Amino acid sequence: ADLLVYATSVPGVYSADPNEDDDATKYDSLSAAELVDAIAGLEMNAGASAPVDLLAAKIIERSGMRTIVLDGTDPDRIARAVRYGDHDGTDVIPEGAGEEPTYWAADEQ
């Protein structure tokens, strides 16, 4: 596959649990290694909830697959992300990949 859409109940990856920390910042994009580091930091805190579990983050890092972590409670939100690259989630961009999505994202909406 060229894209993994990781649909969760939160709108992306944050610096801390946004339900517990008002100063939590959402990341617009991360490298896969940064995702692993961010998730590992969240999981160190007892009771914290991470949008991606640590094992999944490590698999994403190892696979080198472009990934979008987004709020998947609305199916249309997932469809827009896949078809057009349009989303408010977090892009996980593999090493060596450009900033732009690959051929799976069409230019027209």
PDB file of N, CA and C in Angstrom:
ATOM      1  N   ALA A   1       0.834  -1.185   0.000  1.00  0.00           N
ATOM      2  CA  ALA A   1       0.000   0.000   0.000  1.00  0.00           C
ATOM      3  C   ALA A   1       0.878   1.247   0.000  1.00  0.00           C
ATOM      4  N   ASP A   2       0.330   2.317  -0.498  1.00  0.00           N
ATOM      5  CA  ASP A   2       1.051   3.588  -0.548  1.00  0.00           C
ATOM      6  C   ASP A   2       0.665   4.519   0.585  1.00  0.00           C
ATOM      7  N   LEU A   3      -0.426   4.221   1.265  1.00  0.00           N
ATOM      8  CA  LEU A   3      -0.921   5.112   2.311  1.00  0.00           C
ATOM      9  C   LEU A   3      -1.623   4.298   3.387  1.00  0.00           C
ATOM     10  N   LEU A   4      -1.351   4.641   4.636  1.00  0.00           N
ATOM     11  CA  LEU A   4      -2.089   4.097   5.773  1.00  0.00           C
ATOM     12  C   LEU A   4      -2.859   5.246   6.400  1.00  0.00           C
ATOM     13  N   VAL A   5      -4.159   5.087   6.519  1.00  0.00           N
ATOM     14  CA  VAL A   5      -4.976   6.070   7.222  1.00  0.00           C
ATOM     15  C   VAL A   5      -5.317   5.454   8.568  1.00  0.00           C
ATOM     16  N   TYR A   6      -4.789   6.054   9.619  1.00  0.00           N
ATOM     17  CA  TYR A   6      -4.988   5.560  10.980  1.00  0.00           C
ATOM     18  C   TYR A   6      -6.101   6.402  11.590  1.00  0.00           C
ATOM     19  N   ALA A   7      -7.315   5.863  11.535  1.00  0.00           N
ATOM     20  CA  ALA A   7      -8.490   6.594  11.999  1.00  0.00           C
ATOM     21  C   ALA A   7      -8.690   6.354  13.494  1.00  0.00           C
ATOM     22  N   THR A   8      -8.748   7.435  14.253  1.00  0.00           N
ATOM     23  CA  THR A   8      -8.889   7.353  15.701  1.00  0.00           C
ATOM     24  C   THR A   8     -10.061   8.239  16.140  1.00  0.00           C
ATOM     25  N   SER A   9     -10.185   8.428  17.432  1.00  0.00           N
ATOM     26  CA  SER A   9     -11.238   9.307  17.947  1.00  0.00           C
ATOM     27  C   SER A   9     -10.687  10.695  18.289  1.00  0.00           C
ATOM     28  N   VAL A  10      -9.434  10.953  17.933  1.00  0.00           N
ATOM     29  CA  VAL A  10      -8.820  12.264  18.151  1.00  0.00           C
ATOM     30  C   VAL A  10      -8.326  12.803  16.810  1.00  0.00           C
ATOM     31  N   PRO A  11      -8.183  14.125  16.687  1.00  0.00           N
ATOM     32  CA  PRO A  11      -7.859  14.711  15.382  1.00  0.00           C
ATOM     33  C   PRO A  11      -6.391  14.691  14.980  1.00  0.00           C
ATOM     34  N   GLY A  12      -5.567  13.873  15.597  1.00  0.00           N
ATOM     35  CA  GLY A  12      -4.167  13.789  15.207  1.00  0.00           C
ATOM     36  C   GLY A  12      -3.290  13.409  16.382  1.00  0.00           C
ATOM     37  N   VAL A  13      -1.986  13.621  16.210  1.00  0.00           N
ATOM     38  CA  VAL A  13      -1.006  13.318  17.251  1.00  0.00           C
ATOM     39  C   VAL A  13      -0.666  14.611  17.977  1.00  0.00           C
ATOM     40  N   TYR A  14      -0.658  14.552  19.289  1.00  0.00           N
ATOM     41  CA  TYR A  14      -0.391  15.724  20.132  1.00  0.00           C
ATOM     42  C   TYR A  14       0.873  15.524  20.955  1.00  0.00           C
ATOM     43  N   SER A  15       1.402  16.621  21.454  1.00  0.00           N
ATOM     44  CA  SER A  15       2.597  16.597  22.297  1.00  0.00           C
ATOM     45  C   SER A  15       2.307  15.989  23.665  1.00  0.00           C
ATOM     46  N   ALA A  16       1.053  15.989  24.067  1.00  0.00           N
ATOM     47  CA  ALA A  16       0.608  15.418  25.341  1.00  0.00           C
ATOM     48  C   ALA A  16      -0.855  15.033  25.155  1.00  0.00           C
ATOM     49  N   ASP A  17      -1.414  14.364  26.127  1.00  0.00           N
ATOM     50  CA  ASP A  17      -2.815  13.981  26.054  1.00  0.00           C
ATOM     51  C   ASP A  17      -3.670  15.248  26.125  1.00  0.00           C
ATOM     52  N   PRO A  18      -4.374  15.619  25.043  1.00  0.00           N
ATOM     53  CA  PRO A  18      -5.150  16.867  25.049  1.00  0.00           C
ATOM     54  C   PRO A  18      -6.317  16.856  26.029  1.00  0.00           C
ATOM     55  N   ASN A  19      -6.736  15.678  26.453  1.00  0.00           N
ATOM     56  CA  ASN A  19      -7.799  15.586  27.445  1.00  0.00           C
ATOM     57  C   ASN A  19      -7.292  15.906  28.846  1.00  0.00           C
ATOM     58  N   GLU A  20      -5.985  15.806  29.029  1.00  0.00           N
ATOM     59  CA  GLU A  20      -5.385  16.031  30.345  1.00  0.00           C
ATOM     60  C   GLU A  20      -4.563  17.313  30.420  1.00  0.00           C
ATOM     61  N   ASP A  21      -4.070  17.785  29.272  1.00  0.00           N
ATOM     62  CA  ASP A  21      -3.131  18.910  29.242  1.00  0.00           C
ATOM     63  C   ASP A  21      -3.638  19.984  28.279  1.00  0.00           C
ATOM     64  N   ASP A  22      -4.047  21.133  28.823  1.00  0.00           N
ATOM     65  CA  ASP A  22      -4.551  22.228  27.983  1.00  0.00           C
ATOM     66  C   ASP A  22      -3.480  22.808  27.072  1.00  0.00           C
ATOM     67  N   ASP A  23      -2.206  22.591  27.396  1.00  0.00           N
ATOM     68  CA  ASP A  23      -1.102  23.103  26.589  1.00  0.00           C
ATOM     69  C   ASP A  23      -0.647  22.114  25.513  1.00  0.00           C
ATOM     70  N   ALA A  24      -1.348  20.994  25.355  1.00  0.00           N
ATOM     71  CA  ALA A  24      -0.981  20.006  24.336  1.00  0.00           C
ATOM     72  C   ALA A  24      -1.078  20.644  22.953  1.00  0.00           C
ATOM     73  N   THR A  25      -0.079  20.389  22.138  1.00  0.00           N
ATOM     74  CA  THR A  25      -0.002  20.945  20.787  1.00  0.00           C
ATOM     75  C   THR A  25      -0.159  19.829  19.769  1.00  0.00           C
ATOM     76  N   LYS A  26      -1.027  20.042  18.777  1.00  0.00           N
ATOM     77  CA  LYS A  26      -1.194  19.052  17.704  1.00  0.00           C
ATOM     78  C   LYS A  26      -0.088  19.243  16.681  1.00  0.00           C
ATOM     79  N   TYR A  27       0.500  18.121  16.268  1.00  0.00           N
ATOM     80  CA  TYR A  27       1.520  18.139  15.220  1.00  0.00           C
ATOM     81  C   TYR A  27       0.837  18.045  13.861  1.00  0.00           C
ATOM     82  N   ASP A  28       1.202  18.940  12.945  1.00  0.00           N
ATOM     83  CA  ASP A  28       0.685  18.851  11.578  1.00  0.00           C
ATOM     84  C   ASP A  28       1.388  17.747  10.812  1.00  0.00           C
ATOM     85  N   SER A  29       2.698  17.588  11.067  1.00  0.00           N
ATOM     86  CA  SER A  29       3.450  16.518  10.424  1.00  0.00           C
ATOM     87  C   SER A  29       4.593  16.085  11.331  1.00  0.00           C
ATOM     88  N   LEU A  30       4.979  14.835  11.165  1.00  0.00           N
ATOM     89  CA  LEU A  30       6.075  14.227  11.919  1.00  0.00           C
ATOM     90  C   LEU A  30       6.793  13.243  11.008  1.00  0.00           C
ATOM     91  N   SER A  31       8.053  12.989  11.293  1.00  0.00           N
ATOM     92  CA  SER A  31       8.707  11.848  10.667  1.00  0.00           C
ATOM     93  C   SER A  31       8.257  10.618  11.448  1.00  0.00           C
ATOM     94  N   ALA A  32       8.482   9.441  10.901  1.00  0.00           N
ATOM     95  CA  ALA A  32       8.095   8.220  11.602  1.00  0.00           C
ATOM     96  C   ALA A  32       8.851   8.081  12.919  1.00  0.00           C
ATOM     97  N   ALA A  33      10.130   8.462  12.932  1.00  0.00           N
ATOM     98  CA  ALA A  33      10.921   8.393  14.168  1.00  0.00           C
ATOM     99  C   ALA A  33      10.373   9.362  15.216  1.00  0.00           C
ATOM    100  N   GLU A  34       9.941  10.550  14.778  1.00  0.00           N
ATOM    101  CA  GLU A  34       9.343  11.513  15.706  1.00  0.00           C
ATOM    102  C   GLU A  34       8.027  10.985  16.263  1.00  0.00           C
ATOM    103  N   LEU A  35       7.264  10.252  15.431  1.00  0.00           N
ATOM    104  CA  LEU A  35       6.023   9.645  15.908  1.00  0.00           C
ATOM    105  C   LEU A  35       6.318   8.650  17.022  1.00  0.00           C
ATOM    106  N   VAL A  36       7.307   7.784  16.815  1.00  0.00           N
ATOM    107  CA  VAL A  36       7.679   6.803  17.842  1.00  0.00           C
ATOM    108  C   VAL A  36       8.065   7.520  19.127  1.00  0.00           C
ATOM    109  N   ASP A  37       8.881   8.566  19.016  1.00  0.00           N
ATOM    110  CA  ASP A  37       9.306   9.312  20.204  1.00  0.00           C
ATOM    111  C   ASP A  37       8.118   9.961  20.915  1.00  0.00           C
ATOM    112  N   ALA A  38       7.205  10.553  20.151  1.00  0.00           N
ATOM    113  CA  ALA A  38       6.047  11.223  20.740  1.00  0.00           C
ATOM    114  C   ALA A  38       5.148  10.222  21.451  1.00  0.00           C
ATOM    115  N   ILE A  39       4.913   9.076  20.841  1.00  0.00           N
ATOM    116  CA  ILE A  39       4.049   8.058  21.440  1.00  0.00           C
ATOM    117  C   ILE A  39       4.725   7.448  22.663  1.00  0.00           C
ATOM    118  N   ALA A  40       6.017   7.194  22.576  1.00  0.00           N
ATOM    119  CA  ALA A  40       6.733   6.633  23.721  1.00  0.00           C
ATOM    120  C   ALA A  40       6.644   7.578  24.913  1.00  0.00           C
ATOM    121  N   GLY A  41       6.726   8.874  24.671  1.00  0.00           N
ATOM    122  CA  GLY A  41       6.612   9.857  25.738  1.00  0.00           C
ATOM    123  C   GLY A  41       5.229   9.880  26.352  1.00  0.00           C
ATOM    124  N   LEU A  42       4.189   9.721  25.540  1.00  0.00           N
ATOM    125  CA  LEU A  42       2.822   9.693  26.053  1.00  0.00           C
ATOM    126  C   LEU A  42       2.567   8.438  26.868  1.00  0.00           C
ATOM    127  N   GLU A  43       3.086   7.311  26.397  1.00  0.00           N
ATOM    128  CA  GLU A  43       2.805   6.053  27.072  1.00  0.00           C
ATOM    129  C   GLU A  43       3.548   5.912  28.390  1.00  0.00           C
ATOM    130  N   MET A  44       4.540   6.765  28.628  1.00  0.00           N
ATOM    131  CA  MET A  44       5.278   6.720  29.884  1.00  0.00           C
ATOM    132  C   MET A  44       4.409   7.227  31.035  1.00  0.00           C
ATOM    133  N   ASN A  45       3.412   8.052  30.718  1.00  0.00           N
ATOM    134  CA  ASN A  45       2.546   8.615  31.751  1.00  0.00           C
ATOM    135  C   ASN A  45       1.379   7.670  32.009  1.00  0.00           C
ATOM    136  N   ALA A  46       1.203   7.268  33.246  1.00  0.00           N
ATOM    137  CA  ALA A  46       0.128   6.343  33.582  1.00  0.00           C
ATOM    138  C   ALA A  46      -1.224   6.940  33.221  1.00  0.00           C
ATOM    139  N   GLY A  47      -2.051   6.154  32.546  1.00  0.00           N
ATOM    140  CA  GLY A  47      -3.402   6.579  32.212  1.00  0.00           C
ATOM    141  C   GLY A  47      -3.509   7.433  30.969  1.00  0.00           C
ATOM    142  N   ALA A  48      -2.401   7.821  30.368  1.00  0.00           N
ATOM    143  CA  ALA A  48      -2.454   8.649  29.165  1.00  0.00           C
ATOM    144  C   ALA A  48      -2.943   7.811  27.992  1.00  0.00           C
ATOM    145  N   SER A  49      -3.651   8.452  27.082  1.00  0.00           N
ATOM    146  CA  SER A  49      -4.113   7.738  25.897  1.00  0.00           C
ATOM    147  C   SER A  49      -3.392   8.297  24.684  1.00  0.00           C
ATOM    148  N   ALA A  50      -2.847   7.405  23.880  1.00  0.00           N
ATOM    149  CA  ALA A  50      -2.136   7.794  22.670  1.00  0.00           C
ATOM    150  C   ALA A  50      -3.001   7.457  21.468  1.00  0.00           C
ATOM    151  N   PRO A  51      -2.982   8.275  20.414  1.00  0.00           N
ATOM    152  CA  PRO A  51      -3.801   7.997  19.238  1.00  0.00           C
ATOM    153  C   PRO A  51      -3.314   6.778  18.463  1.00  0.00           C
ATOM    154  N   VAL A  52      -2.038   6.455  18.581  1.00  0.00           N
ATOM    155  CA  VAL A  52      -1.423   5.298  17.928  1.00  0.00           C
ATOM    156  C   VAL A  52      -0.652   4.564  19.013  1.00  0.00           C
ATOM    157  N   ASP A  53      -0.798   3.245  19.097  1.00  0.00           N
ATOM    158  CA  ASP A  53      -0.025   2.541  20.114  1.00  0.00           C
ATOM    159  C   ASP A  53       1.439   2.435  19.675  1.00  0.00           C
ATOM    160  N   LEU A  54       2.313   2.176  20.622  1.00  0.00           N
ATOM    161  CA  LEU A  54       3.752   2.192  20.358  1.00  0.00           C
ATOM    162  C   LEU A  54       4.149   1.142  19.328  1.00  0.00           C
ATOM    163  N   LEU A  55       3.579  -0.041  19.378  1.00  0.00           N
ATOM    164  CA  LEU A  55       3.905  -1.079  18.407  1.00  0.00           C
ATOM    165  C   LEU A  55       3.523  -0.632  16.999  1.00  0.00           C
ATOM    166  N   ALA A  56       2.328  -0.047  16.850  1.00  0.00           N
ATOM    167  CA  ALA A  56       1.902   0.443  15.532  1.00  0.00           C
ATOM    168  C   ALA A  56       2.848   1.538  15.038  1.00  0.00           C
ATOM    169  N   ALA A  57       3.262   2.434  15.921  1.00  0.00           N
ATOM    170  CA  ALA A  57       4.192   3.506  15.532  1.00  0.00           C
ATOM    171  C   ALA A  57       5.508   2.923  15.033  1.00  0.00           C
ATOM    172  N   LYS A  58       5.986   1.878  15.693  1.00  0.00           N
ATOM    173  CA  LYS A  58       7.244   1.249  15.260  1.00  0.00           C
ATOM    174  C   LYS A  58       7.079   0.531  13.926  1.00  0.00           C
ATOM    175  N   ILE A  59       5.926  -0.068  13.693  1.00  0.00           N
ATOM    176  CA  ILE A  59       5.666  -0.714  12.401  1.00  0.00           C
ATOM    177  C   ILE A  59       5.589   0.339  11.298  1.00  0.00           C
ATOM    178  N   ILE A  60       4.955   1.462  11.578  1.00  0.00           N
ATOM    179  CA  ILE A  60       4.891   2.561  10.611  1.00  0.00           C
ATOM    180  C   ILE A  60       6.301   3.032  10.285  1.00  0.00           C
ATOM    181  N   GLU A  61       7.140   3.166  11.308  1.00  0.00           N
ATOM    182  CA  GLU A  61       8.522   3.597  11.094  1.00  0.00           C
ATOM    183  C   GLU A  61       9.280   2.591  10.239  1.00  0.00           C
ATOM    184  N   ARG A  62       9.149   1.320  10.553  1.00  0.00           N
ATOM    185  CA  ARG A  62       9.883   0.283   9.838  1.00  0.00           C
ATOM    186  C   ARG A  62       9.403   0.145   8.392  1.00  0.00           C
ATOM    187  N   SER A  63       8.102   0.309   8.156  1.00  0.00           N
ATOM    188  CA  SER A  63       7.556   0.110   6.819  1.00  0.00           C
ATOM    189  C   SER A  63       7.881   1.255   5.866  1.00  0.00           C
ATOM    190  N   GLY A  64       8.098   2.453   6.420  1.00  0.00           N
ATOM    191  CA  GLY A  64       8.353   3.608   5.566  1.00  0.00           C
ATOM    192  C   GLY A  64       7.122   4.054   4.798  1.00  0.00           C
ATOM    193  N   MET A  65       5.940   3.719   5.299  1.00  0.00           N
ATOM    194  CA  MET A  65       4.702   4.061   4.610  1.00  0.00           C
ATOM    195  C   MET A  65       4.174   5.413   5.073  1.00  0.00           C
ATOM    196  N   ARG A  66       3.799   6.232   4.108  1.00  0.00           N
ATOM    197  CA  ARG A  66       3.151   7.504   4.452  1.00  0.00           C
ATOM    198  C   ARG A  66       1.870   7.182   5.214  1.00  0.00           C
ATOM    199  N   THR A  67       1.650   7.918   6.308  1.00  0.00           N
ATOM    200  CA  THR A  67       0.519   7.645   7.189  1.00  0.00           C
ATOM    201  C   THR A  67      -0.172   8.953   7.554  1.00  0.00           C
ATOM    202  N   ILE A  68      -1.469   8.898   7.672  1.00  0.00           N
ATOM    203  CA  ILE A  68      -2.252  10.022   8.171  1.00  0.00           C
ATOM    204  C   ILE A  68      -2.967   9.545   9.428  1.00  0.00           C
ATOM    205  N   VAL A  69      -2.775  10.269  10.526  1.00  0.00           N
ATOM    206  CA  VAL A  69      -3.501   9.990  11.764  1.00  0.00           C
ATOM    207  C   VAL A  69      -4.573  11.061  11.874  1.00  0.00           C
ATOM    208  N   LEU A  70      -5.838  10.639  11.875  1.00  0.00           N
ATOM    209  CA  LEU A  70      -6.923  11.617  11.873  1.00  0.00           C
ATOM    210  C   LEU A  70      -8.120  11.115  12.652  1.00  0.00           C
ATOM    211  N   ASP A  71      -9.044  12.030  12.901  1.00  0.00           N
ATOM    212  CA  ASP A  71     -10.305  11.700  13.552  1.00  0.00           C
ATOM    213  C   ASP A  71     -11.154  10.947  12.534  1.00  0.00           C
ATOM    214  N   GLY A  72     -11.404   9.681  12.785  1.00  0.00           N
ATOM    215  CA  GLY A  72     -12.123   8.848  11.836  1.00  0.00           C
ATOM    216  C   GLY A  72     -13.590   8.671  12.149  1.00  0.00           C
ATOM    217  N   THR A  73     -14.136   9.543  12.988  1.00  0.00           N
ATOM    218  CA  THR A  73     -15.549   9.395  13.348  1.00  0.00           C
ATOM    219  C   THR A  73     -16.488   9.781  12.211  1.00  0.00           C
ATOM    220  N   ASP A  74     -15.976  10.484  11.190  1.00  0.00           N
ATOM    221  CA  ASP A  74     -16.776  10.864  10.029  1.00  0.00           C
ATOM    222  C   ASP A  74     -16.182  10.193   8.793  1.00  0.00           C
ATOM    223  N   PRO A  75     -16.876   9.234   8.179  1.00  0.00           N
ATOM    224  CA  PRO A  75     -16.337   8.541   7.003  1.00  0.00           C
ATOM    225  C   PRO A  75     -15.953   9.480   5.853  1.00  0.00           C
ATOM    226  N   ASP A  76     -16.679  10.594   5.702  1.00  0.00           N
ATOM    227  CA  ASP A  76     -16.336  11.542   4.637  1.00  0.00           C
ATOM    228  C   ASP A  76     -14.964  12.161   4.871  1.00  0.00           C
ATOM    229  N   ARG A  77     -14.575  12.346   6.125  1.00  0.00           N
ATOM    230  CA  ARG A  77     -13.260  12.889   6.465  1.00  0.00           C
ATOM    231  C   ARG A  77     -12.158  11.935   5.984  1.00  0.00           C
ATOM    232  N   ILE A  78     -12.381  10.642   6.155  1.00  0.00           N
ATOM    233  CA  ILE A  78     -11.414   9.637   5.699  1.00  0.00           C
ATOM    234  C   ILE A  78     -11.340   9.639   4.175  1.00  0.00           C
ATOM    235  N   ALA A  79     -12.497   9.688   3.521  1.00  0.00           N
ATOM    236  CA  ALA A  79     -12.537   9.694   2.055  1.00  0.00           C
ATOM    237  C   ALA A  79     -11.793  10.904   1.488  1.00  0.00           C
ATOM    238  N   ARG A  80     -11.974  12.089   2.079  1.00  0.00           N
ATOM    239  CA  ARG A  80     -11.274  13.298   1.595  1.00  0.00           C
ATOM    240  C   ARG A  80      -9.766  13.151   1.768  1.00  0.00           C
ATOM    241  N   ALA A  81      -9.353  12.550   2.855  1.00  0.00           N
ATOM    242  CA  ALA A  81      -7.919  12.362   3.096  1.00  0.00           C
ATOM    243  C   ALA A  81      -7.311  11.443   2.043  1.00  0.00           C
ATOM    244  N   VAL A  82      -8.008  10.362   1.722  1.00  0.00           N
ATOM    245  CA  VAL A  82      -7.486   9.394   0.757  1.00  0.00           C
ATOM    246  C   VAL A  82      -7.546   9.945  -0.663  1.00  0.00           C
ATOM    247  N   ARG A  83      -8.681  10.511  -1.029  1.00  0.00           N
ATOM    248  CA  ARG A  83      -8.864  10.955  -2.418  1.00  0.00           C
ATOM    249  C   ARG A  83      -8.082  12.220  -2.751  1.00  0.00           C
ATOM    250  N   TYR A  84      -8.018  13.162  -1.813  1.00  0.00           N
ATOM    251  CA  TYR A  84      -7.466  14.474  -2.141  1.00  0.00           C
ATOM    252  C   TYR A  84      -6.297  14.899  -1.260  1.00  0.00           C
ATOM    253  N   GLY A  85      -5.982  14.122  -0.237  1.00  0.00           N
ATOM    254  CA  GLY A  85      -4.932  14.528   0.688  1.00  0.00           C
ATOM    255  C   GLY A  85      -5.379  15.648   1.604  1.00  0.00           C
ATOM    256  N   ASP A  86      -6.675  15.903   1.669  1.00  0.00           N
ATOM    257  CA  ASP A  86      -7.244  17.003   2.447  1.00  0.00           C
ATOM    258  C   ASP A  86      -7.672  16.492   3.814  1.00  0.00           C
ATOM    259  N   HIS A  87      -6.986  16.945   4.865  1.00  0.00           N
ATOM    260  CA  HIS A  87      -7.340  16.515   6.219  1.00  0.00           C
ATOM    261  C   HIS A  87      -6.747  17.478   7.235  1.00  0.00           C
ATOM    262  N   ASP A  88      -7.256  17.391   8.459  1.00  0.00           N
ATOM    263  CA  ASP A  88      -6.767  18.217   9.565  1.00  0.00           C
ATOM    264  C   ASP A  88      -5.975  17.390  10.562  1.00  0.00           C
ATOM    265  N   GLY A  89      -5.611  16.173  10.188  1.00  0.00           N
ATOM    266  CA  GLY A  89      -4.880  15.285  11.081  1.00  0.00           C
ATOM    267  C   GLY A  89      -3.386  15.536  11.040  1.00  0.00           C
ATOM    268  N   THR A  90      -2.631  14.505  11.375  1.00  0.00           N
ATOM    269  CA  THR A  90      -1.173  14.563  11.388  1.00  0.00           C
ATOM    270  C   THR A  90      -0.631  13.692  10.268  1.00  0.00           C
ATOM    271  N   ASP A  91       0.234  14.267   9.408  1.00  0.00           N
ATOM    272  CA  ASP A  91       0.932  13.501   8.377  1.00  0.00           C
ATOM    273  C   ASP A  91       2.174  12.892   8.987  1.00  0.00           C
ATOM    274  N   VAL A  92       2.363  11.603   8.780  1.00  0.00           N
ATOM    275  CA  VAL A  92       3.606  10.944   9.165  1.00  0.00           C
ATOM    276  C   VAL A  92       4.329  10.661   7.856  1.00  0.00           C
ATOM    277  N   ILE A  93       5.434  11.373   7.661  1.00  0.00           N
ATOM    278  CA  ILE A  93       6.136  11.346   6.382  1.00  0.00           C
ATOM    279  C   ILE A  93       7.401  10.519   6.528  1.00  0.00           C
ATOM    280  N   PRO A  94       7.533   9.452   5.729  1.00  0.00           N
ATOM    281  CA  PRO A  94       8.719   8.599   5.839  1.00  0.00           C
ATOM    282  C   PRO A  94       9.990   9.312   5.392  1.00  0.00           C
ATOM    283  N   GLU A  95      11.118   8.805   5.880  1.00  0.00           N
ATOM    284  CA  GLU A  95      12.420   9.341   5.480  1.00  0.00           C
ATOM    285  C   GLU A  95      12.541   9.329   3.960  1.00  0.00           C
ATOM    286  N   GLY A  96      12.997  10.415   3.401  1.00  0.00           N
ATOM    287  CA  GLY A  96      13.252  10.493   1.972  1.00  0.00           C
ATOM    288  C   GLY A  96      12.045  10.809   1.119  1.00  0.00           C
ATOM    289  N   ALA A  97      10.857  10.851   1.704  1.00  0.00           N
ATOM    290  CA  ALA A  97       9.657  11.175   0.931  1.00  0.00           C
ATOM    291  C   ALA A  97       9.506  12.688   0.864  1.00  0.00           C
ATOM    292  N   GLY A  98       8.952  13.154  -0.218  1.00  0.00           N
ATOM    293  CA  GLY A  98       8.681  14.578  -0.345  1.00  0.00           C
ATOM    294  C   GLY A  98       7.505  14.981   0.525  1.00  0.00           C
ATOM    295  N   GLU A  99       7.282  16.264   0.624  1.00  0.00           N
ATOM    296  CA  GLU A  99       6.176  16.775   1.432  1.00  0.00           C
ATOM    297  C   GLU A  99       4.821  16.515   0.780  1.00  0.00           C
ATOM    298  N   GLU A 100       4.791  16.371  -0.541  1.00  0.00           N
ATOM    299  CA  GLU A 100       3.527  16.214  -1.252  1.00  0.00           C
ATOM    300  C   GLU A 100       3.082  14.760  -1.276  1.00  0.00           C
ATOM    301  N   PRO A 101       1.769  14.515  -1.170  1.00  0.00           N
ATOM    302  CA  PRO A 101       1.260  13.140  -1.275  1.00  0.00           C
ATOM    303  C   PRO A 101       1.576  12.551  -2.639  1.00  0.00           C
ATOM    304  N   THR A 102       1.563  11.232  -2.717  1.00  0.00           N
ATOM    305  CA  THR A 102       1.839  10.542  -3.968  1.00  0.00           C
ATOM    306  C   THR A 102       0.596  10.507  -4.841  1.00  0.00           C
ATOM    307  N   TYR A 103       0.605   9.682  -5.861  1.00  0.00           N
ATOM    308  CA  TYR A 103      -0.435   9.664  -6.872  1.00  0.00           C
ATOM    309  C   TYR A 103      -1.840   9.394  -6.347  1.00  0.00           C
ATOM    310  N   TRP A 104      -1.979   8.842  -5.152  1.00  0.00           N
ATOM    311  CA  TRP A 104      -3.318   8.513  -4.638  1.00  0.00           C
ATOM    312  C   TRP A 104      -4.140   9.752  -4.357  1.00  0.00           C
ATOM    313  N   ALA A 105      -3.515  10.911  -4.250  1.00  0.00           N
ATOM    314  CA  ALA A 105      -4.278  12.139  -3.972  1.00  0.00           C
ATOM    315  C   ALA A 105      -4.542  12.882  -5.273  1.00  0.00           C
ATOM    316  N   ALA A 106      -5.806  13.016  -5.645  1.00  0.00           N
ATOM    317  CA  ALA A 106      -6.185  13.732  -6.855  1.00  0.00           C
ATOM    318  C   ALA A 106      -6.164  15.238  -6.598  1.00  0.00           C
ATOM    319  N   ASP A 107      -5.984  16.010  -7.665  1.00  0.00           N
ATOM    320  CA  ASP A 107      -5.935  17.458  -7.536  1.00  0.00           C
ATOM    321  C   ASP A 107      -7.317  18.096  -7.425  1.00  0.00           C
ATOM    322  N   GLU A 108      -8.336  17.422  -7.897  1.00  0.00           N
ATOM    323  CA  GLU A 108      -9.669  18.018  -7.942  1.00  0.00           C
ATOM    324  C   GLU A 108     -10.544  17.469  -6.814  1.00  0.00           C
ATOM    325  N   GLN A 109     -11.448  18.329  -6.313  1.00  0.00           N
ATOM    326  CA  GLN A 109     -12.382  17.883  -5.269  1.00  0.00           C
ATOM    327  C   GLN A 109     -13.769  17.890  -5.772  1.00  0.00           C
TER     328      GLN A 109
END
